[in-house]
N, C-alpha and C. Protein backbone atom coordinates (compact mmCIF):
# COMPACT_ATOMS: atom_id res chain seq x y z
N MET A 1 -4.97 2.92 23.04
CA MET A 1 -6.07 2.89 22.09
C MET A 1 -5.95 4.03 21.10
N ARG A 2 -5.55 5.20 21.60
CA ARG A 2 -5.40 6.35 20.70
C ARG A 2 -4.38 6.05 19.61
N ALA A 3 -3.29 5.40 19.99
CA ALA A 3 -2.28 5.04 19.01
C ALA A 3 -2.85 4.08 17.98
N LEU A 4 -3.70 3.17 18.41
CA LEU A 4 -4.32 2.23 17.49
C LEU A 4 -5.21 2.97 16.51
N VAL A 5 -5.98 3.93 16.98
CA VAL A 5 -6.86 4.71 16.11
C VAL A 5 -6.04 5.51 15.11
N ILE A 6 -4.97 6.13 15.58
CA ILE A 6 -4.12 6.92 14.69
C ILE A 6 -3.44 6.01 13.67
N THR A 7 -2.98 4.86 14.11
CA THR A 7 -2.37 3.91 13.19
C THR A 7 -3.38 3.46 12.16
N LEU A 8 -4.57 3.14 12.59
CA LEU A 8 -5.60 2.73 11.64
C LEU A 8 -5.93 3.85 10.68
N ALA A 9 -5.99 5.07 11.16
CA ALA A 9 -6.27 6.19 10.28
C ALA A 9 -5.24 6.26 9.17
N SER A 10 -4.01 6.07 9.53
CA SER A 10 -2.94 6.09 8.54
C SER A 10 -3.09 4.96 7.54
N LEU A 11 -3.38 3.79 8.05
CA LEU A 11 -3.53 2.63 7.18
C LEU A 11 -4.75 2.72 6.30
N LEU A 12 -5.81 3.22 6.84
CA LEU A 12 -7.08 3.24 6.11
C LEU A 12 -7.08 4.21 4.96
N SER A 13 -6.31 5.23 5.03
CA SER A 13 -6.29 6.23 3.98
C SER A 13 -5.96 5.61 2.63
N LEU A 14 -5.07 4.69 2.63
CA LEU A 14 -4.66 4.04 1.40
C LEU A 14 -5.76 3.15 0.85
N ALA A 15 -6.39 2.38 1.67
CA ALA A 15 -7.41 1.45 1.22
C ALA A 15 -8.60 2.17 0.62
N ALA A 16 -8.86 3.36 1.05
CA ALA A 16 -10.00 4.12 0.54
C ALA A 16 -9.84 4.45 -0.93
N CYS A 17 -8.63 4.55 -1.40
CA CYS A 17 -8.38 4.96 -2.78
C CYS A 17 -8.74 3.90 -3.81
N GLN A 18 -8.57 2.62 -3.47
CA GLN A 18 -8.73 1.58 -4.47
C GLN A 18 -9.88 0.62 -4.24
N SER A 19 -10.49 0.69 -3.11
CA SER A 19 -11.52 -0.29 -2.77
C SER A 19 -12.91 0.27 -3.01
N GLY A 20 -13.84 -0.58 -3.44
CA GLY A 20 -15.21 -0.17 -3.60
C GLY A 20 -15.92 -0.06 -2.26
N SER A 21 -15.41 -0.75 -1.26
CA SER A 21 -15.98 -0.67 0.07
C SER A 21 -15.27 0.43 0.85
N ASP A 22 -15.78 0.74 2.02
CA ASP A 22 -15.20 1.79 2.84
C ASP A 22 -14.33 1.15 3.91
N PRO A 23 -13.00 1.22 3.75
CA PRO A 23 -12.12 0.57 4.71
C PRO A 23 -12.17 1.20 6.10
N VAL A 24 -12.55 2.46 6.19
CA VAL A 24 -12.69 3.08 7.51
C VAL A 24 -13.81 2.40 8.27
N VAL A 25 -14.95 2.25 7.62
CA VAL A 25 -16.09 1.59 8.25
C VAL A 25 -15.75 0.14 8.57
N GLU A 26 -15.14 -0.54 7.61
CA GLU A 26 -14.79 -1.95 7.82
C GLU A 26 -13.83 -2.11 8.99
N SER A 27 -12.86 -1.22 9.10
CA SER A 27 -11.89 -1.32 10.19
C SER A 27 -12.53 -1.03 11.54
N CYS A 28 -13.39 -0.04 11.59
CA CYS A 28 -14.07 0.26 12.85
C CYS A 28 -15.00 -0.89 13.24
N GLN A 29 -15.64 -1.48 12.27
CA GLN A 29 -16.49 -2.63 12.55
C GLN A 29 -15.64 -3.80 13.06
N LYS A 30 -14.46 -3.99 12.46
CA LYS A 30 -13.57 -5.06 12.89
C LYS A 30 -13.05 -4.79 14.30
N LEU A 31 -12.71 -3.53 14.59
CA LEU A 31 -12.28 -3.18 15.95
C LEU A 31 -13.39 -3.48 16.95
N ASP A 32 -14.62 -3.16 16.58
CA ASP A 32 -15.75 -3.43 17.46
C ASP A 32 -15.92 -4.94 17.64
N GLU A 33 -15.86 -5.66 16.56
CA GLU A 33 -15.98 -7.13 16.60
C GLU A 33 -14.91 -7.74 17.50
N CYS A 34 -13.73 -7.14 17.49
CA CYS A 34 -12.60 -7.64 18.27
C CYS A 34 -12.54 -7.04 19.67
N ASN A 35 -13.58 -6.31 20.05
CA ASN A 35 -13.63 -5.66 21.37
C ASN A 35 -12.41 -4.76 21.61
N ALA A 36 -11.96 -4.08 20.55
CA ALA A 36 -10.77 -3.24 20.65
C ALA A 36 -11.11 -1.75 20.65
N LEU A 37 -12.39 -1.42 20.53
CA LEU A 37 -12.78 -0.02 20.64
C LEU A 37 -12.77 0.38 22.11
N LYS A 38 -12.42 1.62 22.36
CA LYS A 38 -12.45 2.14 23.73
C LYS A 38 -13.88 2.00 24.26
N PRO A 39 -14.04 1.63 25.53
CA PRO A 39 -15.39 1.50 26.10
C PRO A 39 -16.20 2.79 25.88
N GLY A 40 -17.41 2.61 25.41
CA GLY A 40 -18.30 3.74 25.18
C GLY A 40 -18.17 4.37 23.81
N VAL A 41 -17.19 3.93 23.01
CA VAL A 41 -17.00 4.47 21.66
C VAL A 41 -17.76 3.58 20.68
N SER A 42 -18.62 4.19 19.90
CA SER A 42 -19.39 3.45 18.91
C SER A 42 -18.61 3.34 17.60
N VAL A 43 -19.09 2.48 16.74
CA VAL A 43 -18.49 2.35 15.41
C VAL A 43 -18.59 3.69 14.68
N ASP A 44 -19.72 4.36 14.79
CA ASP A 44 -19.89 5.66 14.12
C ASP A 44 -18.88 6.69 14.63
N GLU A 45 -18.64 6.69 15.93
CA GLU A 45 -17.65 7.62 16.51
C GLU A 45 -16.24 7.28 16.04
N CYS A 46 -15.96 6.00 15.96
CA CYS A 46 -14.67 5.54 15.45
C CYS A 46 -14.47 6.02 14.01
N VAL A 47 -15.49 5.85 13.19
CA VAL A 47 -15.43 6.27 11.79
C VAL A 47 -15.18 7.78 11.70
N GLU A 48 -15.90 8.54 12.50
CA GLU A 48 -15.74 9.99 12.51
C GLU A 48 -14.31 10.39 12.89
N THR A 49 -13.77 9.74 13.91
CA THR A 49 -12.41 10.04 14.36
C THR A 49 -11.39 9.69 13.29
N LEU A 50 -11.54 8.52 12.69
CA LEU A 50 -10.60 8.11 11.65
C LEU A 50 -10.69 9.02 10.43
N ASP A 51 -11.89 9.39 10.04
CA ASP A 51 -12.04 10.29 8.89
C ASP A 51 -11.35 11.63 9.16
N LYS A 52 -11.47 12.15 10.36
CA LYS A 52 -10.80 13.40 10.71
C LYS A 52 -9.30 13.26 10.63
N ASN A 53 -8.78 12.14 11.12
CA ASN A 53 -7.33 11.90 11.07
C ASN A 53 -6.84 11.76 9.63
N LEU A 54 -7.63 11.14 8.79
CA LEU A 54 -7.24 10.95 7.39
C LEU A 54 -7.19 12.26 6.62
N ASP A 55 -8.01 13.21 7.02
CA ASP A 55 -8.05 14.49 6.32
C ASP A 55 -6.69 15.19 6.32
N GLY A 56 -5.86 14.92 7.31
CA GLY A 56 -4.57 15.58 7.41
C GLY A 56 -3.45 14.92 6.63
N LEU A 57 -3.71 13.81 5.99
CA LEU A 57 -2.66 13.09 5.27
C LEU A 57 -2.57 13.55 3.81
N THR A 58 -1.35 13.51 3.30
CA THR A 58 -1.14 13.81 1.88
C THR A 58 -1.59 12.62 1.04
N ALA A 59 -1.80 12.87 -0.22
CA ALA A 59 -2.21 11.80 -1.13
C ALA A 59 -1.16 10.70 -1.19
N SER A 60 0.11 11.06 -1.20
CA SER A 60 1.16 10.05 -1.27
C SER A 60 1.20 9.20 0.01
N LYS A 61 0.95 9.83 1.15
CA LYS A 61 0.92 9.09 2.41
C LYS A 61 -0.25 8.11 2.40
N ARG A 62 -1.37 8.56 1.89
CA ARG A 62 -2.54 7.67 1.79
C ARG A 62 -2.23 6.47 0.90
N THR A 63 -1.55 6.73 -0.19
CA THR A 63 -1.20 5.65 -1.11
C THR A 63 -0.25 4.66 -0.46
N ASP A 64 0.71 5.17 0.29
CA ASP A 64 1.67 4.31 0.97
C ASP A 64 0.99 3.35 1.94
N PHE A 65 -0.07 3.79 2.59
CA PHE A 65 -0.71 2.99 3.62
C PHE A 65 -1.82 2.07 3.09
N GLN A 66 -2.25 2.27 1.88
CA GLN A 66 -3.37 1.50 1.35
C GLN A 66 -3.12 0.00 1.36
N GLY A 67 -1.99 -0.41 0.86
CA GLY A 67 -1.67 -1.84 0.83
C GLY A 67 -1.60 -2.44 2.22
N LEU A 68 -1.05 -1.68 3.16
CA LEU A 68 -0.97 -2.17 4.54
C LEU A 68 -2.35 -2.38 5.14
N MET A 69 -3.25 -1.44 4.93
CA MET A 69 -4.58 -1.57 5.51
C MET A 69 -5.34 -2.72 4.89
N GLU A 70 -5.23 -2.83 3.58
CA GLU A 70 -5.90 -3.94 2.92
C GLU A 70 -5.38 -5.27 3.44
N GLY A 71 -4.07 -5.32 3.69
CA GLY A 71 -3.49 -6.53 4.25
C GLY A 71 -4.03 -6.84 5.63
N CYS A 72 -4.16 -5.82 6.46
CA CYS A 72 -4.69 -6.03 7.81
C CYS A 72 -6.14 -6.47 7.77
N LEU A 73 -6.92 -5.85 6.91
CA LEU A 73 -8.33 -6.22 6.80
C LEU A 73 -8.51 -7.64 6.25
N ALA A 74 -7.50 -8.16 5.59
CA ALA A 74 -7.58 -9.51 5.04
C ALA A 74 -7.52 -10.58 6.13
N PHE A 75 -7.00 -10.21 7.31
CA PHE A 75 -6.96 -11.17 8.41
C PHE A 75 -8.37 -11.41 8.93
N GLU A 76 -8.78 -12.66 8.96
CA GLU A 76 -10.11 -12.99 9.46
C GLU A 76 -10.16 -12.98 10.97
N SER A 77 -9.07 -13.36 11.60
CA SER A 77 -9.07 -13.43 13.06
C SER A 77 -8.77 -12.06 13.66
N CYS A 78 -9.30 -11.84 14.84
CA CYS A 78 -9.01 -10.60 15.56
C CYS A 78 -7.53 -10.52 15.91
N ASP A 79 -6.96 -11.62 16.34
CA ASP A 79 -5.55 -11.62 16.69
C ASP A 79 -4.69 -11.19 15.51
N GLY A 80 -4.98 -11.74 14.35
CA GLY A 80 -4.22 -11.39 13.15
C GLY A 80 -4.40 -9.93 12.76
N PHE A 81 -5.65 -9.47 12.77
CA PHE A 81 -5.95 -8.08 12.41
C PHE A 81 -5.26 -7.12 13.36
N LEU A 82 -5.44 -7.33 14.67
CA LEU A 82 -4.87 -6.40 15.65
C LEU A 82 -3.34 -6.46 15.65
N ALA A 83 -2.77 -7.63 15.47
CA ALA A 83 -1.31 -7.73 15.38
C ALA A 83 -0.80 -6.98 14.16
N CYS A 84 -1.48 -7.12 13.05
CA CYS A 84 -1.10 -6.42 11.83
C CYS A 84 -1.11 -4.92 12.05
N VAL A 85 -2.19 -4.41 12.63
CA VAL A 85 -2.30 -2.97 12.88
C VAL A 85 -1.22 -2.51 13.86
N ASN A 86 -1.04 -3.24 14.93
CA ASN A 86 -0.08 -2.85 15.96
C ASN A 86 1.36 -2.97 15.51
N ASN A 87 1.64 -3.89 14.59
CA ASN A 87 3.01 -4.13 14.14
C ASN A 87 3.32 -3.46 12.81
N SER A 88 2.45 -2.60 12.36
CA SER A 88 2.64 -1.96 11.06
C SER A 88 3.79 -0.98 11.06
N GLY A 89 4.21 -0.54 12.22
CA GLY A 89 5.29 0.44 12.30
C GLY A 89 4.87 1.84 11.97
N LEU A 90 3.58 2.07 11.93
CA LEU A 90 3.08 3.40 11.58
C LEU A 90 2.75 4.20 12.81
């Protein structure tokens, strides 16, 4: 699960730059919807964790991941979303 959160943090950094919505919040909500959050972790806690992880990324790294995150969020199904995140190679 930790790897998933770190991977999402990497992916989400990019989406934050170009989207009017908050991809961190959207991704944590999607993880919750897909029952992929660690037991006892709320969406708010997920958002806080991802935001902290994103703070350590360079602007270029954030840009590199933006397209990937937007692509993952485009999957309507949980299987598609989680496979995208897990197979991103990040």
